[in-house]
Structure formats: C-alpha cells, structure tokens
Amino acid sequence: MPIYEYQCRKCEKIFERFQRMGEGGESLVCPYCGEERPEKMISSFSSSKGSESTSSCGPSSSKFT
C-alpha cells in the first residue's frame, strides 16, 4: 500500500497515511486539529544513497576486459 502525504489547510501540518491506490482523502481529518479534507501533497522520491550513488544495473566504469 502506498504512503500519501497530506497537508492540513487550517494548521498547515503535514502527515502521512497508508491508502490503496485510487482511494481519495475525502474522509480524512487532520490528526492535529481535526480539520476535514486535507490537501494531498506531491511527494518527491528519496534515496538513502544520496546524489553520488551508482546504478546497480551495470558496471560502474567504462573499462571492459
């Protein structure tokens, strides 16, 4: 199940929810202030390796023997 991020329109706090794909947030309420219908955020992908990581799909150098 994917994790979706929401931001409360009233208190502006961000929280996460596990939801099935295609399931809307119409019935959600902010866990901090109780405001209904928080705004769904667009999340960016994050990697624990950082920007200098190499791909595991092939060799890391151009030298072949």
Protein backbone atom coordinates (compact mmCIF):
# COMPACT_ATOMS: atom_id res chain seq x y z
CA MET A 1 0.00 0.00 0.00
CA PRO A 2 1.46 3.40 -0.91
CA ILE A 3 2.03 6.17 1.60
CA TYR A 4 0.44 9.50 0.76
CA GLU A 5 1.32 12.86 2.31
CA TYR A 6 -1.36 15.39 3.20
CA GLN A 7 -1.18 18.95 4.47
CA CYS A 8 -3.87 20.48 6.64
CA ARG A 9 -5.40 23.63 5.14
CA LYS A 10 -6.00 25.08 8.61
CA CYS A 11 -2.90 24.35 10.75
CA GLU A 12 -0.61 23.55 7.74
CA LYS A 13 0.90 20.46 9.42
CA ILE A 14 1.97 17.59 7.15
CA PHE A 15 1.05 13.98 7.91
CA GLU A 16 1.15 10.62 6.12
CA ARG A 17 -1.48 7.93 5.50
CA PHE A 18 -1.35 4.42 4.05
CA GLN A 19 -4.04 4.20 1.36
CA ARG A 20 -4.98 1.99 -1.51
CA MET A 21 -4.21 3.39 -4.96
CA GLY A 22 -7.13 5.45 -6.19
CA GLU A 23 -8.59 5.93 -2.71
CA GLY A 24 -9.34 9.59 -2.07
CA GLY A 25 -8.81 11.66 1.02
CA GLU A 26 -12.40 12.90 1.27
CA SER A 27 -12.98 11.19 4.61
CA LEU A 28 -9.64 12.18 6.17
CA VAL A 29 -9.29 14.64 9.02
CA CYS A 30 -6.13 16.31 10.30
CA PRO A 31 -4.78 14.35 13.30
CA TYR A 32 -3.55 17.62 14.85
CA CYS A 33 -6.55 19.97 14.67
CA GLY A 34 -9.43 17.88 13.27
CA GLU A 35 -9.92 19.96 10.09
CA GLU A 36 -11.62 17.97 7.31
CA ARG A 37 -10.38 17.38 3.76
CA PRO A 38 -6.61 17.96 3.93
CA GLU A 39 -4.74 18.73 0.72
CA LYS A 40 -2.83 15.86 -0.93
CA MET A 41 0.86 16.69 -1.36
CA ILE A 42 3.09 15.76 -4.26
CA SER A 43 6.00 13.84 -2.75
CA SER A 44 9.46 13.60 -4.19
CA PHE A 45 11.31 10.30 -4.32
CA SER A 46 14.10 10.00 -1.81
CA SER A 47 17.10 7.71 -1.75
CA SER A 48 19.29 6.88 1.21
CA LYS A 49 22.38 6.66 -1.03
CA GLY A 50 22.46 10.36 -1.92
CA SER A 51 23.35 12.03 -5.19
CA GLU A 52 26.67 10.23 -5.68
CA SER A 53 25.17 6.75 -5.88
CA THR A 54 25.86 4.47 -8.81
CA SER A 55 23.37 2.35 -10.66
CA SER A 56 23.21 -1.34 -9.90
CA CYS A 57 22.13 -2.06 -13.48
CA GLY A 58 25.61 -2.29 -14.96
CA PRO A 59 29.30 -1.78 -14.47
CA SER A 60 30.44 1.43 -12.77
CA SER A 61 33.38 2.04 -15.12
CA SER A 62 33.77 2.10 -18.89
CA LYS A 63 36.79 -0.29 -18.86
CA PHE A 64 35.95 -3.79 -20.06
CA THR A 65 38.46 -6.65 -20.11
